[in-house]
């Protein structure tokens, strides 16, 4: 299952997704994990695994909306892992 599939199934709310992305963008060095039932999605790992998102977040003058969209894209395409942090 990916983050996007969990989102479509309403296992991730808009508020939880927005909060996780905002927390990651505020301080990428701190762990941010989305809990989806008995599964976990590490936001930093999702960003690092998605090259386009990582590249977008590395742009120095990227707008806040551009940064949010890059983070959201990474989370939605990332696999959700059972019991991992």
PDB file of N, CA and C in Angstrom:
ATOM      1  N   UNK A   1       0.852  -1.178   0.000  1.00  0.00           N
ATOM      2  CA  UNK A   1       0.000   0.000   0.000  1.00  0.00           C
ATOM      3  C   UNK A   1       0.896   1.241   0.000  1.00  0.00           C
ATOM      4  N   UNK A   2       0.491   2.244  -0.757  1.00  0.00           N
ATOM      5  CA  UNK A   2       1.206   3.514  -0.767  1.00  0.00           C
ATOM      6  C   UNK A   2       0.453   4.532   0.090  1.00  0.00           C
ATOM      7  N   UNK A   3       1.101   5.656   0.337  1.00  0.00           N
ATOM      8  CA  UNK A   3       0.430   6.732   1.056  1.00  0.00           C
ATOM      9  C   UNK A   3      -0.813   7.191   0.314  1.00  0.00           C
ATOM     10  N   UNK A   4      -0.733   7.232  -1.014  1.00  0.00           N
ATOM     11  CA  UNK A   4      -1.876   7.648  -1.817  1.00  0.00           C
ATOM     12  C   UNK A   4      -3.047   6.687  -1.706  1.00  0.00           C
ATOM     13  N   UNK A   5      -2.751   5.395  -1.678  1.00  0.00           N
ATOM     14  CA  UNK A   5      -3.816   4.403  -1.521  1.00  0.00           C
ATOM     15  C   UNK A   5      -4.451   4.522  -0.139  1.00  0.00           C
ATOM     16  N   UNK A   6      -3.618   4.747   0.879  1.00  0.00           N
ATOM     17  CA  UNK A   6      -4.150   4.940   2.234  1.00  0.00           C
ATOM     18  C   UNK A   6      -5.007   6.205   2.295  1.00  0.00           C
ATOM     19  N   UNK A   7      -4.589   7.240   1.590  1.00  0.00           N
ATOM     20  CA  UNK A   7      -5.339   8.498   1.548  1.00  0.00           C
ATOM     21  C   UNK A   7      -6.697   8.283   0.873  1.00  0.00           C
ATOM     22  N   UNK A   8      -6.697   7.575  -0.255  1.00  0.00           N
ATOM     23  CA  UNK A   8      -7.948   7.306  -0.965  1.00  0.00           C
ATOM     24  C   UNK A   8      -8.913   6.495  -0.112  1.00  0.00           C
ATOM     25  N   UNK A   9      -8.373   5.601   0.716  1.00  0.00           N
ATOM     26  CA  UNK A   9      -9.199   4.774   1.585  1.00  0.00           C
ATOM     27  C   UNK A   9      -9.576   5.499   2.876  1.00  0.00           C
ATOM     28  N   UNK A  10      -9.199   6.769   2.970  1.00  0.00           N
ATOM     29  CA  UNK A  10      -9.504   7.609   4.137  1.00  0.00           C
ATOM     30  C   UNK A  10      -8.798   7.119   5.409  1.00  0.00           C
ATOM     31  N   UNK A  11      -7.664   6.435   5.234  1.00  0.00           N
ATOM     32  CA  UNK A  11      -6.867   6.010   6.378  1.00  0.00           C
ATOM     33  C   UNK A  11      -5.940   7.128   6.837  1.00  0.00           C
ATOM     34  N   UNK A  12      -5.717   8.099   5.956  1.00  0.00           N
ATOM     35  CA  UNK A  12      -4.959   9.315   6.272  1.00  0.00           C
ATOM     36  C   UNK A  12      -5.901  10.485   6.026  1.00  0.00           C
ATOM     37  N   UNK A  13      -6.061  11.337   7.026  1.00  0.00           N
ATOM     38  CA  UNK A  13      -6.914  12.517   6.848  1.00  0.00           C
ATOM     39  C   UNK A  13      -6.105  13.661   6.244  1.00  0.00           C
ATOM     40  N   UNK A  14      -6.811  14.635   5.689  1.00  0.00           N
ATOM     41  CA  UNK A  14      -6.142  15.830   5.169  1.00  0.00           C
ATOM     42  C   UNK A  14      -5.343  16.519   6.279  1.00  0.00           C
ATOM     43  N   UNK A  15      -5.957  16.610   7.463  1.00  0.00           N
ATOM     44  CA  UNK A  15      -5.285  17.276   8.584  1.00  0.00           C
ATOM     45  C   UNK A  15      -4.006  16.556   8.986  1.00  0.00           C
ATOM     46  N   UNK A  16      -4.045  15.227   9.042  1.00  0.00           N
ATOM     47  CA  UNK A  16      -2.854  14.458   9.420  1.00  0.00           C
ATOM     48  C   UNK A  16      -1.764  14.589   8.366  1.00  0.00           C
ATOM     49  N   UNK A  17      -2.145  14.553   7.107  1.00  0.00           N
ATOM     50  CA  UNK A  17      -1.180  14.701   6.016  1.00  0.00           C
ATOM     51  C   UNK A  17      -0.550  16.083   6.051  1.00  0.00           C
ATOM     52  N   UNK A  18      -1.372  17.113   6.173  1.00  0.00           N
ATOM     53  CA  UNK A  18      -0.856  18.482   6.229  1.00  0.00           C
ATOM     54  C   UNK A  18       0.043  18.699   7.441  1.00  0.00           C
ATOM     55  N   UNK A  19      -0.340  18.159   8.590  1.00  0.00           N
ATOM     56  CA  UNK A  19       0.454  18.322   9.807  1.00  0.00           C
ATOM     57  C   UNK A  19       1.807  17.629   9.677  1.00  0.00           C
ATOM     58  N   UNK A  20       1.822  16.436   9.099  1.00  0.00           N
ATOM     59  CA  UNK A  20       3.082  15.704   8.936  1.00  0.00           C
ATOM     60  C   UNK A  20       4.019  16.438   7.993  1.00  0.00           C
ATOM     61  N   UNK A  21       3.485  16.946   6.905  1.00  0.00           N
ATOM     62  CA  UNK A  21       4.316  17.668   5.943  1.00  0.00           C
ATOM     63  C   UNK A  21       4.819  18.972   6.557  1.00  0.00           C
ATOM     64  N   UNK A  22       3.955  19.690   7.257  1.00  0.00           N
ATOM     65  CA  UNK A  22       4.372  20.939   7.910  1.00  0.00           C
ATOM     66  C   UNK A  22       5.455  20.677   8.943  1.00  0.00           C
ATOM     67  N   UNK A  23       5.316  19.610   9.724  1.00  0.00           N
ATOM     68  CA  UNK A  23       6.323  19.279  10.733  1.00  0.00           C
ATOM     69  C   UNK A  23       7.649  18.935  10.071  1.00  0.00           C
ATOM     70  N   UNK A  24       7.607  18.182   8.997  1.00  0.00           N
ATOM     71  CA  UNK A  24       8.838  17.836   8.282  1.00  0.00           C
ATOM     72  C   UNK A  24       9.503  19.083   7.711  1.00  0.00           C
ATOM     73  N   UNK A  25       8.722  19.935   7.072  1.00  0.00           N
ATOM     74  CA  UNK A  25       9.295  21.135   6.462  1.00  0.00           C
ATOM     75  C   UNK A  25       9.847  22.104   7.505  1.00  0.00           C
ATOM     76  N   UNK A  26       9.239  22.132   8.686  1.00  0.00           N
ATOM     77  CA  UNK A  26       9.715  23.015   9.753  1.00  0.00           C
ATOM     78  C   UNK A  26      11.096  22.590  10.238  1.00  0.00           C
ATOM     79  N   UNK A  27      11.348  21.271  10.293  1.00  0.00           N
ATOM     80  CA  UNK A  27      12.655  20.775  10.737  1.00  0.00           C
ATOM     81  C   UNK A  27      12.868  19.372  10.184  1.00  0.00           C
ATOM     82  N   UNK A  28      13.471  19.271   8.998  1.00  0.00           N
ATOM     83  CA  UNK A  28      13.672  17.962   8.372  1.00  0.00           C
ATOM     84  C   UNK A  28      14.572  17.010   9.172  1.00  0.00           C
ATOM     85  N   UNK A  29      15.298  17.534  10.153  1.00  0.00           N
ATOM     86  CA  UNK A  29      16.177  16.661  10.942  1.00  0.00           C
ATOM     87  C   UNK A  29      15.423  15.896  12.029  1.00  0.00           C
ATOM     88  N   UNK A  30      14.202  16.310  12.332  1.00  0.00           N
ATOM     89  CA  UNK A  30      13.397  15.620  13.351  1.00  0.00           C
ATOM     90  C   UNK A  30      12.541  14.554  12.687  1.00  0.00           C
ATOM     91  N   UNK A  31      12.403  13.397  13.339  1.00  0.00           N
ATOM     92  CA  UNK A  31      11.579  12.333  12.738  1.00  0.00           C
ATOM     93  C   UNK A  31      10.095  12.707  12.714  1.00  0.00           C
ATOM     94  N   UNK A  32       9.483  12.460  11.580  1.00  0.00           N
ATOM     95  CA  UNK A  32       8.040  12.658  11.425  1.00  0.00           C
ATOM     96  C   UNK A  32       7.493  11.370  10.837  1.00  0.00           C
ATOM     97  N   UNK A  33       6.575  10.754  11.557  1.00  0.00           N
ATOM     98  CA  UNK A  33       6.002   9.479  11.133  1.00  0.00           C
ATOM     99  C   UNK A  33       4.489   9.609  11.084  1.00  0.00           C
ATOM    100  N   UNK A  34       3.916   9.233   9.958  1.00  0.00           N
ATOM    101  CA  UNK A  34       2.466   9.144   9.836  1.00  0.00           C
ATOM    102  C   UNK A  34       2.057   7.750  10.272  1.00  0.00           C
ATOM    103  N   UNK A  35       1.169   7.650  11.235  1.00  0.00           N
ATOM    104  CA  UNK A  35       0.665   6.359  11.700  1.00  0.00           C
ATOM    105  C   UNK A  35      -0.621   6.074  10.934  1.00  0.00           C
ATOM    106  N   UNK A  36      -0.637   4.914  10.280  1.00  0.00           N
ATOM    107  CA  UNK A  36      -1.774   4.530   9.453  1.00  0.00           C
ATOM    108  C   UNK A  36      -2.202   3.142   9.915  1.00  0.00           C
ATOM    109  N   UNK A  37      -3.097   3.100  10.897  1.00  0.00           N
ATOM    110  CA  UNK A  37      -3.485   1.820  11.495  1.00  0.00           C
ATOM    111  C   UNK A  37      -2.282   1.212  12.185  1.00  0.00           C
ATOM    112  N   UNK A  38      -1.909   0.006  11.767  1.00  0.00           N
ATOM    113  CA  UNK A  38      -0.741  -0.653  12.347  1.00  0.00           C
ATOM    114  C   UNK A  38       0.505  -0.450  11.486  1.00  0.00           C
ATOM    115  N   UNK A  39       0.441   0.486  10.568  1.00  0.00           N
ATOM    116  CA  UNK A  39       1.546   0.758   9.656  1.00  0.00           C
ATOM    117  C   UNK A  39       2.115   2.152   9.903  1.00  0.00           C
ATOM    118  N   UNK A  40       3.287   2.411   9.348  1.00  0.00           N
ATOM    119  CA  UNK A  40       3.976   3.689   9.541  1.00  0.00           C
ATOM    120  C   UNK A  40       4.517   4.190   8.213  1.00  0.00           C
ATOM    121  N   UNK A  41       4.602   5.508   8.084  1.00  0.00           N
ATOM    122  CA  UNK A  41       5.228   6.122   6.926  1.00  0.00           C
ATOM    123  C   UNK A  41       6.169   7.205   7.432  1.00  0.00           C
ATOM    124  N   UNK A  42       7.445   7.030   7.194  1.00  0.00           N
ATOM    125  CA  UNK A  42       8.476   7.989   7.598  1.00  0.00           C
ATOM    126  C   UNK A  42       8.558   9.063   6.515  1.00  0.00           C
ATOM    127  N   UNK A  43       8.216  10.290   6.851  1.00  0.00           N
ATOM    128  CA  UNK A  43       8.142  11.367   5.869  1.00  0.00           C
ATOM    129  C   UNK A  43       9.520  11.683   5.288  1.00  0.00           C
ATOM    130  N   UNK A  44      10.549  11.747   6.117  1.00  0.00           N
ATOM    131  CA  UNK A  44      11.898  12.046   5.614  1.00  0.00           C
ATOM    132  C   UNK A  44      12.370  10.973   4.640  1.00  0.00           C
ATOM    133  N   UNK A  45      12.122   9.716   4.972  1.00  0.00           N
ATOM    134  CA  UNK A  45      12.518   8.625   4.077  1.00  0.00           C
ATOM    135  C   UNK A  45      11.758   8.704   2.760  1.00  0.00           C
ATOM    136  N   UNK A  46      10.486   9.081   2.844  1.00  0.00           N
ATOM    137  CA  UNK A  46       9.685   9.219   1.622  1.00  0.00           C
ATOM    138  C   UNK A  46      10.266  10.302   0.725  1.00  0.00           C
ATOM    139  N   UNK A  47      10.646  11.425   1.307  1.00  0.00           N
ATOM    140  CA  UNK A  47      11.219  12.524   0.518  1.00  0.00           C
ATOM    141  C   UNK A  47      12.548  12.102  -0.097  1.00  0.00           C
ATOM    142  N   UNK A  48      13.399  11.477   0.693  1.00  0.00           N
ATOM    143  CA  UNK A  48      14.709  11.055   0.184  1.00  0.00           C
ATOM    144  C   UNK A  48      14.586  10.009  -0.919  1.00  0.00           C
ATOM    145  N   UNK A  49      13.560   9.171  -0.846  1.00  0.00           N
ATOM    146  CA  UNK A  49      13.363   8.126  -1.844  1.00  0.00           C
ATOM    147  C   UNK A  49      12.753   8.648  -3.140  1.00  0.00           C
ATOM    148  N   UNK A  50      12.175   9.826  -3.098  1.00  0.00           N
ATOM    149  CA  UNK A  50      11.513  10.391  -4.282  1.00  0.00           C
ATOM    150  C   UNK A  50      12.375  11.533  -4.812  1.00  0.00           C
ATOM    151  N   UNK A  51      13.124  11.247  -5.860  1.00  0.00           N
ATOM    152  CA  UNK A  51      14.143  12.191  -6.342  1.00  0.00           C
ATOM    153  C   UNK A  51      13.574  13.562  -6.695  1.00  0.00           C
ATOM    154  N   UNK A  52      12.443  13.608  -7.374  1.00  0.00           N
ATOM    155  CA  UNK A  52      11.873  14.898  -7.754  1.00  0.00           C
ATOM    156  C   UNK A  52      11.564  15.740  -6.518  1.00  0.00           C
ATOM    157  N   UNK A  53      10.969  15.117  -5.511  1.00  0.00           N
ATOM    158  CA  UNK A  53      10.634  15.851  -4.287  1.00  0.00           C
ATOM    159  C   UNK A  53      11.893  16.347  -3.591  1.00  0.00           C
ATOM    160  N   UNK A  54      12.901  15.493  -3.500  1.00  0.00           N
ATOM    161  CA  UNK A  54      14.158  15.896  -2.871  1.00  0.00           C
ATOM    162  C   UNK A  54      14.780  17.062  -3.631  1.00  0.00           C
ATOM    163  N   UNK A  55      14.748  16.997  -4.951  1.00  0.00           N
ATOM    164  CA  UNK A  55      15.299  18.094  -5.767  1.00  0.00           C
ATOM    165  C   UNK A  55      14.513  19.384  -5.560  1.00  0.00           C
ATOM    166  N   UNK A  56      13.191  19.281  -5.523  1.00  0.00           N
ATOM    167  CA  UNK A  56      12.355  20.474  -5.322  1.00  0.00           C
ATOM    168  C   UNK A  56      12.621  21.116  -3.960  1.00  0.00           C
ATOM    169  N   UNK A  57      12.796  20.301  -2.939  1.00  0.00           N
ATOM    170  CA  UNK A  57      13.035  20.843  -1.603  1.00  0.00           C
ATOM    171  C   UNK A  57      14.429  21.431  -1.460  1.00  0.00           C
ATOM    172  N   UNK A  58      15.319  21.088  -2.372  1.00  0.00           N
ATOM    173  CA  UNK A  58      16.675  21.639  -2.340  1.00  0.00           C
ATOM    174  C   UNK A  58      16.764  22.999  -3.023  1.00  0.00           C
ATOM    175  N   UNK A  59      15.714  23.414  -3.722  1.00  0.00           N
ATOM    176  CA  UNK A  59      15.700  24.714  -4.397  1.00  0.00           C
ATOM    177  C   UNK A  59      15.618  25.809  -3.337  1.00  0.00           C
ATOM    178  N   UNK A  60      16.608  26.676  -3.306  1.00  0.00           N
ATOM    179  CA  UNK A  60      16.700  27.688  -2.262  1.00  0.00           C
ATOM    180  C   UNK A  60      15.546  28.676  -2.218  1.00  0.00           C
ATOM    181  N   UNK A  61      15.033  29.071  -3.372  1.00  0.00           N
ATOM    182  CA  UNK A  61      13.981  30.087  -3.398  1.00  0.00           C
ATOM    183  C   UNK A  61      12.599  29.487  -3.667  1.00  0.00           C
ATOM    184  N   UNK A  62      12.428  28.208  -3.376  1.00  0.00           N
ATOM    185  CA  UNK A  62      11.126  27.562  -3.589  1.00  0.00           C
ATOM    186  C   UNK A  62      10.079  28.193  -2.681  1.00  0.00           C
ATOM    187  N   UNK A  63       8.908  28.405  -3.219  1.00  0.00           N
ATOM    188  CA  UNK A  63       7.809  28.979  -2.435  1.00  0.00           C
ATOM    189  C   UNK A  63       7.305  27.951  -1.427  1.00  0.00           C
ATOM    190  N   UNK A  64       6.630  28.413  -0.374  1.00  0.00           N
ATOM    191  CA  UNK A  64       6.056  27.458   0.579  1.00  0.00           C
ATOM    192  C   UNK A  64       5.107  26.452  -0.089  1.00  0.00           C
ATOM    193  N   UNK A  65       4.324  26.902  -1.039  1.00  0.00           N
ATOM    194  CA  UNK A  65       3.391  25.998  -1.728  1.00  0.00           C
ATOM    195  C   UNK A  65       4.157  24.939  -2.524  1.00  0.00           C
ATOM    196  N   UNK A  66       5.218  25.344  -3.165  1.00  0.00           N
ATOM    197  CA  UNK A  66       6.043  24.408  -3.939  1.00  0.00           C
ATOM    198  C   UNK A  66       6.658  23.362  -3.013  1.00  0.00           C
ATOM    199  N   UNK A  67       7.118  23.795  -1.859  1.00  0.00           N
ATOM    200  CA  UNK A  67       7.721  22.884  -0.887  1.00  0.00           C
ATOM    201  C   UNK A  67       6.667  21.904  -0.337  1.00  0.00           C
ATOM    202  N   UNK A  68       5.470  22.421  -0.007  1.00  0.00           N
ATOM    203  CA  UNK A  68       4.393  21.550   0.482  1.00  0.00           C
ATOM    204  C   UNK A  68       4.020  20.505  -0.559  1.00  0.00           C
ATOM    205  N   UNK A  69       3.889  20.939  -1.818  1.00  0.00           N
ATOM    206  CA  UNK A  69       3.520  20.018  -2.888  1.00  0.00           C
ATOM    207  C   UNK A  69       4.572  18.930  -3.078  1.00  0.00           C
ATOM    208  N   UNK A  70       5.837  19.293  -2.964  1.00  0.00           N
ATOM    209  CA  UNK A  70       6.908  18.305  -3.098  1.00  0.00           C
ATOM    210  C   UNK A  70       6.827  17.286  -1.964  1.00  0.00           C
ATOM    211  N   UNK A  71       6.606  17.760  -0.752  1.00  0.00           N
ATOM    212  CA  UNK A  71       6.479  16.850   0.385  1.00  0.00           C
ATOM    213  C   UNK A  71       5.264  15.952   0.262  1.00  0.00           C
ATOM    214  N   UNK A  72       4.152  16.533  -0.164  1.00  0.00           N
ATOM    215  CA  UNK A  72       2.914  15.759  -0.308  1.00  0.00           C
ATOM    216  C   UNK A  72       3.068  14.691  -1.386  1.00  0.00           C
ATOM    217  N   UNK A  73       3.695  15.041  -2.491  1.00  0.00           N
ATOM    218  CA  UNK A  73       3.916  14.066  -3.563  1.00  0.00           C
ATOM    219  C   UNK A  73       4.725  12.884  -3.060  1.00  0.00           C
ATOM    220  N   UNK A  74       5.797  13.173  -2.319  1.00  0.00           N
ATOM    221  CA  UNK A  74       6.645  12.097  -1.800  1.00  0.00           C
ATOM    222  C   UNK A  74       5.860  11.166  -0.883  1.00  0.00           C
ATOM    223  N   UNK A  75       5.041  11.735  -0.020  1.00  0.00           N
ATOM    224  CA  UNK A  75       4.264  10.920   0.920  1.00  0.00           C
ATOM    225  C   UNK A  75       3.231  10.076   0.176  1.00  0.00           C
ATOM    226  N   UNK A  76       2.582  10.637  -0.812  1.00  0.00           N
ATOM    227  CA  UNK A  76       1.512   9.918  -1.502  1.00  0.00           C
ATOM    228  C   UNK A  76       2.023   8.767  -2.362  1.00  0.00           C
ATOM    229  N   UNK A  77       3.261   8.836  -2.845  1.00  0.00           N
ATOM    230  CA  UNK A  77       3.789   7.736  -3.662  1.00  0.00           C
ATOM    231  C   UNK A  77       4.604   6.738  -2.842  1.00  0.00           C
ATOM    232  N   UNK A  78       4.881   7.055  -1.587  1.00  0.00           N
ATOM    233  CA  UNK A  78       5.723   6.199  -0.751  1.00  0.00           C
ATOM    234  C   UNK A  78       4.979   4.965  -0.270  1.00  0.00           C
ATOM    235  N   UNK A  79       5.697   3.853  -0.141  1.00  0.00           N
ATOM    236  CA  UNK A  79       5.069   2.667   0.448  1.00  0.00           C
ATOM    237  C   UNK A  79       4.880   2.857   1.948  1.00  0.00           C
ATOM    238  N   UNK A  80       3.827   2.274   2.454  1.00  0.00           N
ATOM    239  CA  UNK A  80       3.535   2.296   3.893  1.00  0.00           C
ATOM    240  C   UNK A  80       4.003   0.950   4.429  1.00  0.00           C
ATOM    241  N   UNK A  81       4.832   0.987   5.460  1.00  0.00           N
ATOM    242  CA  UNK A  81       5.434  -0.238   5.984  1.00  0.00           C
ATOM    243  C   UNK A  81       4.756  -0.701   7.249  1.00  0.00           C
ATOM    244  N   UNK A  82       4.635  -1.991   7.386  1.00  0.00           N
ATOM    245  CA  UNK A  82       4.044  -2.605   8.572  1.00  0.00           C
ATOM    246  C   UNK A  82       5.026  -2.541   9.725  1.00  0.00           C
ATOM    247  N   UNK A  83       4.614  -1.913  10.803  1.00  0.00           N
ATOM    248  CA  UNK A  83       5.376  -1.922  12.040  1.00  0.00           C
ATOM    249  C   UNK A  83       6.732  -1.269  12.013  1.00  0.00           C
ATOM    250  N   UNK A  84       7.078  -0.530  11.001  1.00  0.00           N
ATOM    251  CA  UNK A  84       8.386   0.128  10.925  1.00  0.00           C
ATOM    252  C   UNK A  84       8.279   1.575  11.371  1.00  0.00           C
ATOM    253  N   UNK A  85       9.383   2.111  11.812  1.00  0.00           N
ATOM    254  CA  UNK A  85       9.416   3.526  12.174  1.00  0.00           C
ATOM    255  C   UNK A  85      10.324   4.271  11.262  1.00  0.00           C
TER     256      UNK A  85
END
